[in-house]
Amino acid sequence: MKELFVKLKQAECDVEGALARFLDDEDLYEQFYGELLKDPAFENLGEAIEQGKTYEAFEYAHTLKGIIGNMGLTPLFETVCDIVEPLRINSLDGVKEKYAELISQRDKFKEF
């Protein structure tokens, strides 16, 4: 197993489930992993939050939630869920703090 997957397991990610969704193609997973971590949706989400555009922020967060969930990145998934739910009801309550946490987590995952 590649070093990336060892580190993801240590970070309590669902590596087995994610690889099953990727038909056990570790190279394909790695490619998507790299693309996800530089996805502009992260920055677009932050901009929408800053501008108070809850609908746009919800769309970005919900999209990230789906991708992150499929990739089994459990810590990121839990945080983005905490962003999606208030936005679902047009609230920014606690969203800025959770967004900062999401970006911090994403940056740590970039080091893997």
N, C-alpha and C. Protein backbone atom coordinates (compact mmCIF):
# COMPACT_ATOMS: atom_id res chain seq x y z
N MET A 1 0.85 -1.18 0.00
CA MET A 1 0.00 0.00 0.00
C MET A 1 0.89 1.25 0.00
N LYS A 2 0.51 2.21 -0.81
CA LYS A 2 1.28 3.43 -0.94
C LYS A 2 1.27 4.25 0.34
N GLU A 3 2.30 5.06 0.50
CA GLU A 3 2.46 5.89 1.69
C GLU A 3 1.25 6.79 1.94
N LEU A 4 0.65 7.32 0.87
CA LEU A 4 -0.52 8.19 1.01
C LEU A 4 -1.62 7.47 1.79
N PHE A 5 -1.86 6.22 1.46
CA PHE A 5 -2.95 5.49 2.08
C PHE A 5 -2.65 5.15 3.54
N VAL A 6 -1.39 4.94 3.85
CA VAL A 6 -0.99 4.71 5.24
C VAL A 6 -1.27 5.98 6.04
N LYS A 7 -0.91 7.13 5.51
CA LYS A 7 -1.13 8.40 6.20
C LYS A 7 -2.62 8.70 6.34
N LEU A 8 -3.39 8.39 5.29
CA LEU A 8 -4.83 8.61 5.36
C LEU A 8 -5.46 7.73 6.44
N LYS A 9 -5.02 6.49 6.53
CA LYS A 9 -5.53 5.60 7.58
C LYS A 9 -5.19 6.15 8.96
N GLN A 10 -3.97 6.66 9.11
CA GLN A 10 -3.56 7.24 10.40
C GLN A 10 -4.41 8.46 10.74
N ALA A 11 -4.91 9.15 9.72
CA ALA A 11 -5.76 10.33 9.93
C ALA A 11 -7.24 9.94 10.07
N GLU A 12 -7.49 8.64 10.24
CA GLU A 12 -8.83 8.10 10.46
C GLU A 12 -9.76 8.28 9.26
N CYS A 13 -9.21 8.15 8.07
CA CYS A 13 -9.99 8.19 6.85
C CYS A 13 -10.46 6.78 6.49
N ASP A 14 -11.53 6.70 5.74
CA ASP A 14 -12.09 5.42 5.30
C ASP A 14 -11.42 5.00 3.99
N VAL A 15 -10.19 4.56 4.11
CA VAL A 15 -9.39 4.20 2.93
C VAL A 15 -10.00 3.01 2.20
N GLU A 16 -10.39 1.98 2.94
CA GLU A 16 -10.94 0.78 2.30
C GLU A 16 -12.21 1.09 1.51
N GLY A 17 -13.12 1.85 2.13
CA GLY A 17 -14.37 2.20 1.45
C GLY A 17 -14.12 3.04 0.22
N ALA A 18 -13.21 3.99 0.34
CA ALA A 18 -12.90 4.87 -0.79
C ALA A 18 -12.27 4.07 -1.93
N LEU A 19 -11.32 3.23 -1.61
CA LEU A 19 -10.68 2.44 -2.66
C LEU A 19 -11.68 1.51 -3.34
N ALA A 20 -12.63 0.99 -2.60
CA ALA A 20 -13.67 0.15 -3.21
C ALA A 20 -14.46 0.96 -4.23
N ARG A 21 -14.74 2.22 -3.91
CA ARG A 21 -15.47 3.08 -4.87
C ARG A 21 -14.62 3.41 -6.09
N PHE A 22 -13.31 3.32 -5.92
CA PHE A 22 -12.37 3.57 -7.02
C PHE A 22 -11.88 2.26 -7.64
N LEU A 23 -12.64 1.19 -7.40
CA LEU A 23 -12.33 -0.14 -7.95
C LEU A 23 -10.90 -0.56 -7.62
N ASP A 24 -10.45 -0.20 -6.43
CA ASP A 24 -9.11 -0.52 -5.92
C ASP A 24 -7.98 0.03 -6.79
N ASP A 25 -8.27 1.07 -7.53
CA ASP A 25 -7.25 1.70 -8.38
C ASP A 25 -6.58 2.82 -7.58
N GLU A 26 -5.47 2.49 -6.93
CA GLU A 26 -4.77 3.46 -6.08
C GLU A 26 -4.26 4.65 -6.87
N ASP A 27 -3.80 4.42 -8.10
CA ASP A 27 -3.29 5.52 -8.91
C ASP A 27 -4.40 6.51 -9.25
N LEU A 28 -5.57 5.99 -9.59
CA LEU A 28 -6.70 6.86 -9.91
C LEU A 28 -7.12 7.66 -8.68
N TYR A 29 -7.16 6.98 -7.53
CA TYR A 29 -7.50 7.68 -6.29
C TYR A 29 -6.50 8.80 -6.02
N GLU A 30 -5.22 8.51 -6.16
CA GLU A 30 -4.19 9.52 -5.93
C GLU A 30 -4.37 10.73 -6.84
N GLN A 31 -4.73 10.46 -8.09
CA GLN A 31 -4.95 11.55 -9.04
C GLN A 31 -6.11 12.44 -8.57
N PHE A 32 -7.23 11.82 -8.21
CA PHE A 32 -8.39 12.57 -7.74
C PHE A 32 -8.08 13.30 -6.43
N TYR A 33 -7.31 12.68 -5.57
CA TYR A 33 -6.92 13.27 -4.29
C TYR A 33 -6.16 14.58 -4.54
N GLY A 34 -5.19 14.53 -5.43
CA GLY A 34 -4.42 15.73 -5.75
C GLY A 34 -5.29 16.83 -6.35
N GLU A 35 -6.22 16.43 -7.22
CA GLU A 35 -7.12 17.41 -7.83
C GLU A 35 -8.06 18.03 -6.79
N LEU A 36 -8.56 17.20 -5.90
CA LEU A 36 -9.48 17.70 -4.87
C LEU A 36 -8.82 18.77 -4.02
N LEU A 37 -7.60 18.52 -3.59
CA LEU A 37 -6.96 19.43 -2.65
C LEU A 37 -6.64 20.79 -3.26
N LYS A 38 -6.64 20.88 -4.58
CA LYS A 38 -6.43 22.19 -5.21
C LYS A 38 -7.69 22.69 -5.91
N ASP A 39 -8.82 22.07 -5.62
CA ASP A 39 -10.10 22.45 -6.22
C ASP A 39 -10.44 23.89 -5.83
N PRO A 40 -10.77 24.74 -6.79
CA PRO A 40 -11.12 26.13 -6.49
C PRO A 40 -12.41 26.26 -5.68
N ALA A 41 -13.16 25.19 -5.55
CA ALA A 41 -14.40 25.26 -4.76
C ALA A 41 -14.11 25.63 -3.30
N PHE A 42 -12.94 25.24 -2.79
CA PHE A 42 -12.58 25.62 -1.42
C PHE A 42 -12.51 27.15 -1.29
N GLU A 43 -11.79 27.79 -2.20
CA GLU A 43 -11.66 29.25 -2.14
C GLU A 43 -12.99 29.93 -2.51
N ASN A 44 -13.71 29.38 -3.47
CA ASN A 44 -15.01 29.94 -3.84
C ASN A 44 -15.98 29.89 -2.67
N LEU A 45 -15.91 28.81 -1.90
CA LEU A 45 -16.74 28.69 -0.70
C LEU A 45 -16.41 29.81 0.28
N GLY A 46 -15.13 30.03 0.50
CA GLY A 46 -14.71 31.10 1.42
C GLY A 46 -15.18 32.47 0.97
N GLU A 47 -15.07 32.73 -0.32
CA GLU A 47 -15.52 34.03 -0.85
C GLU A 47 -17.02 34.20 -0.68
N ALA A 48 -17.77 33.15 -0.96
CA ALA A 48 -19.23 33.23 -0.82
C ALA A 48 -19.62 33.45 0.65
N ILE A 49 -18.92 32.79 1.56
CA ILE A 49 -19.19 32.99 2.99
C ILE A 49 -18.90 34.44 3.37
N GLU A 50 -17.74 34.94 2.96
CA GLU A 50 -17.36 36.32 3.29
C GLU A 50 -18.37 37.33 2.76
N GLN A 51 -18.93 37.05 1.59
CA GLN A 51 -19.89 37.97 0.97
C GLN A 51 -21.32 37.73 1.46
N GLY A 52 -21.49 36.76 2.34
CA GLY A 52 -22.82 36.48 2.88
C GLY A 52 -23.76 35.83 1.89
N LYS A 53 -23.22 35.23 0.86
CA LYS A 53 -24.04 34.57 -0.17
C LYS A 53 -24.27 33.12 0.23
N THR A 54 -25.29 32.93 1.06
CA THR A 54 -25.52 31.60 1.63
C THR A 54 -25.90 30.55 0.59
N TYR A 55 -26.65 30.93 -0.42
CA TYR A 55 -27.03 29.94 -1.44
C TYR A 55 -25.80 29.45 -2.21
N GLU A 56 -24.97 30.39 -2.64
CA GLU A 56 -23.74 30.00 -3.36
C GLU A 56 -22.82 29.20 -2.46
N ALA A 57 -22.68 29.64 -1.23
CA ALA A 57 -21.83 28.91 -0.29
C ALA A 57 -22.35 27.50 -0.08
N PHE A 58 -23.66 27.36 0.04
CA PHE A 58 -24.25 26.03 0.20
C PHE A 58 -23.91 25.14 -1.00
N GLU A 59 -24.03 25.68 -2.19
CA GLU A 59 -23.74 24.90 -3.40
C GLU A 59 -22.29 24.41 -3.41
N TYR A 60 -21.35 25.29 -3.09
CA TYR A 60 -19.93 24.89 -3.05
C TYR A 60 -19.70 23.86 -1.95
N ALA A 61 -20.24 24.12 -0.77
CA ALA A 61 -20.03 23.22 0.37
C ALA A 61 -20.66 21.85 0.09
N HIS A 62 -21.84 21.85 -0.49
CA HIS A 62 -22.54 20.58 -0.77
C HIS A 62 -21.77 19.76 -1.80
N THR A 63 -21.24 20.43 -2.80
CA THR A 63 -20.43 19.74 -3.81
C THR A 63 -19.18 19.14 -3.17
N LEU A 64 -18.49 19.93 -2.36
CA LEU A 64 -17.30 19.43 -1.67
C LEU A 64 -17.66 18.27 -0.76
N LYS A 65 -18.79 18.35 -0.09
CA LYS A 65 -19.23 17.28 0.81
C LYS A 65 -19.34 15.96 0.05
N GLY A 66 -19.93 15.99 -1.13
CA GLY A 66 -20.09 14.78 -1.92
C GLY A 66 -18.76 14.18 -2.35
N ILE A 67 -17.89 15.03 -2.84
CA ILE A 67 -16.58 14.56 -3.31
C ILE A 67 -15.74 14.04 -2.15
N ILE A 68 -15.68 14.83 -1.08
CA ILE A 68 -14.90 14.45 0.09
C ILE A 68 -15.43 13.15 0.70
N GLY A 69 -16.74 13.02 0.74
CA GLY A 69 -17.35 11.80 1.27
C GLY A 69 -17.01 10.58 0.44
N ASN A 70 -17.09 10.71 -0.86
CA ASN A 70 -16.75 9.60 -1.75
C ASN A 70 -15.29 9.21 -1.63
N MET A 71 -14.45 10.17 -1.29
CA MET A 71 -13.03 9.88 -1.16
C MET A 71 -12.66 9.38 0.24
N GLY A 72 -13.65 9.29 1.11
CA GLY A 72 -13.42 8.72 2.43
C GLY A 72 -12.58 9.57 3.36
N LEU A 73 -12.53 10.86 3.12
CA LEU A 73 -11.71 11.76 3.94
C LEU A 73 -12.52 12.22 5.15
N THR A 74 -12.69 11.33 6.09
CA THR A 74 -13.60 11.49 7.21
C THR A 74 -13.44 12.79 7.99
N PRO A 75 -12.24 13.20 8.39
CA PRO A 75 -12.14 14.46 9.13
C PRO A 75 -12.64 15.67 8.32
N LEU A 76 -12.29 15.72 7.05
CA LEU A 76 -12.76 16.82 6.19
C LEU A 76 -14.28 16.72 6.01
N PHE A 77 -14.77 15.49 5.85
CA PHE A 77 -16.20 15.28 5.64
C PHE A 77 -17.01 15.80 6.83
N GLU A 78 -16.57 15.46 8.03
CA GLU A 78 -17.29 15.91 9.22
C GLU A 78 -17.32 17.43 9.32
N THR A 79 -16.22 18.06 8.97
CA THR A 79 -16.16 19.52 9.04
C THR A 79 -17.04 20.16 7.97
N VAL A 80 -16.98 19.65 6.75
CA VAL A 80 -17.80 20.25 5.70
C VAL A 80 -19.29 20.03 5.97
N CYS A 81 -19.65 18.94 6.63
CA CYS A 81 -21.04 18.73 7.02
C CYS A 81 -21.49 19.82 8.00
N ASP A 82 -20.57 20.22 8.89
CA ASP A 82 -20.88 21.29 9.84
C ASP A 82 -21.03 22.64 9.15
N ILE A 83 -20.56 22.74 7.93
CA ILE A 83 -20.72 23.96 7.13
C ILE A 83 -22.03 23.90 6.34
N VAL A 84 -22.30 22.74 5.78
CA VAL A 84 -23.48 22.57 4.92
C VAL A 84 -24.78 22.81 5.69
N GLU A 85 -24.87 22.24 6.88
CA GLU A 85 -26.16 22.28 7.58
C GLU A 85 -26.66 23.68 7.90
N PRO A 86 -25.86 24.57 8.46
CA PRO A 86 -26.39 25.94 8.67
C PRO A 86 -26.72 26.64 7.35
N LEU A 87 -25.86 26.41 6.36
CA LEU A 87 -26.10 27.06 5.06
C LEU A 87 -27.40 26.56 4.43
N ARG A 88 -27.76 25.33 4.71
CA ARG A 88 -29.00 24.75 4.17
C ARG A 88 -30.22 25.58 4.58
N ILE A 89 -30.12 26.22 5.75
CA ILE A 89 -31.24 27.05 6.22
C ILE A 89 -30.88 28.54 6.16
N ASN A 90 -29.96 28.87 5.25
CA ASN A 90 -29.54 30.26 5.00
C ASN A 90 -28.94 30.94 6.22
N SER A 91 -28.24 30.18 7.03
CA SER A 91 -27.60 30.74 8.22
C SER A 91 -26.08 30.65 8.07
N LEU A 92 -25.40 31.66 8.57
CA LEU A 92 -23.93 31.64 8.60
C LEU A 92 -23.42 31.38 10.02
N ASP A 93 -24.31 30.96 10.90
CA ASP A 93 -23.98 30.74 12.30
C ASP A 93 -22.87 29.68 12.44
N GLY A 94 -21.69 30.11 12.86
CA GLY A 94 -20.56 29.22 13.06
C GLY A 94 -19.83 28.79 11.80
N VAL A 95 -20.30 29.25 10.65
CA VAL A 95 -19.76 28.79 9.37
C VAL A 95 -18.34 29.31 9.13
N LYS A 96 -18.08 30.55 9.46
CA LYS A 96 -16.73 31.10 9.22
C LYS A 96 -15.68 30.33 10.00
N GLU A 97 -15.99 29.99 11.24
CA GLU A 97 -15.04 29.24 12.06
C GLU A 97 -14.82 27.83 11.49
N LYS A 98 -15.89 27.19 11.08
CA LYS A 98 -15.78 25.85 10.50
C LYS A 98 -15.05 25.89 9.16
N TYR A 99 -15.25 26.95 8.41
CA TYR A 99 -14.53 27.09 7.14
C TYR A 99 -13.02 27.20 7.41
N ALA A 100 -12.64 27.98 8.40
CA ALA A 100 -11.22 28.10 8.75
C ALA A 100 -10.65 26.75 9.15
N GLU A 101 -11.43 25.97 9.87
CA GLU A 101 -11.01 24.62 10.26
C GLU A 101 -10.86 23.72 9.04
N LEU A 102 -11.80 23.82 8.11
CA LEU A 102 -11.75 23.02 6.88
C LEU A 102 -10.48 23.32 6.09
N ILE A 103 -10.16 24.58 5.94
CA ILE A 103 -8.96 24.97 5.19
C ILE A 103 -7.70 24.50 5.90
N SER A 104 -7.68 24.59 7.20
CA SER A 104 -6.54 24.11 7.97
C SER A 104 -6.36 22.60 7.79
N GLN A 105 -7.47 21.87 7.84
CA GLN A 105 -7.41 20.42 7.62
C GLN A 105 -6.94 20.11 6.21
N ARG A 106 -7.50 20.82 5.23
CA ARG A 106 -7.10 20.57 3.84
C ARG A 106 -5.61 20.80 3.67
N ASP A 107 -5.10 21.84 4.27
CA ASP A 107 -3.67 22.13 4.16
C ASP A 107 -2.82 21.03 4.78
N LYS A 108 -3.27 20.45 5.87
CA LYS A 108 -2.56 19.32 6.47
C LYS A 108 -2.59 18.11 5.54
N PHE A 109 -3.72 17.88 4.89
CA PHE A 109 -3.84 16.75 3.97
C PHE A 109 -2.95 16.94 2.73
N LYS A 110 -2.67 18.19 2.38
CA LYS A 110 -1.77 18.46 1.27
C LYS A 110 -0.36 17.96 1.57
N GLU A 111 -0.01 17.88 2.84
CA GLU A 111 1.33 17.44 3.24
C GLU A 111 1.51 15.92 3.10
N PHE A 112 0.42 15.19 2.93
CA PHE A 112 0.50 13.74 2.80
C PHE A 112 1.12 13.40 1.46
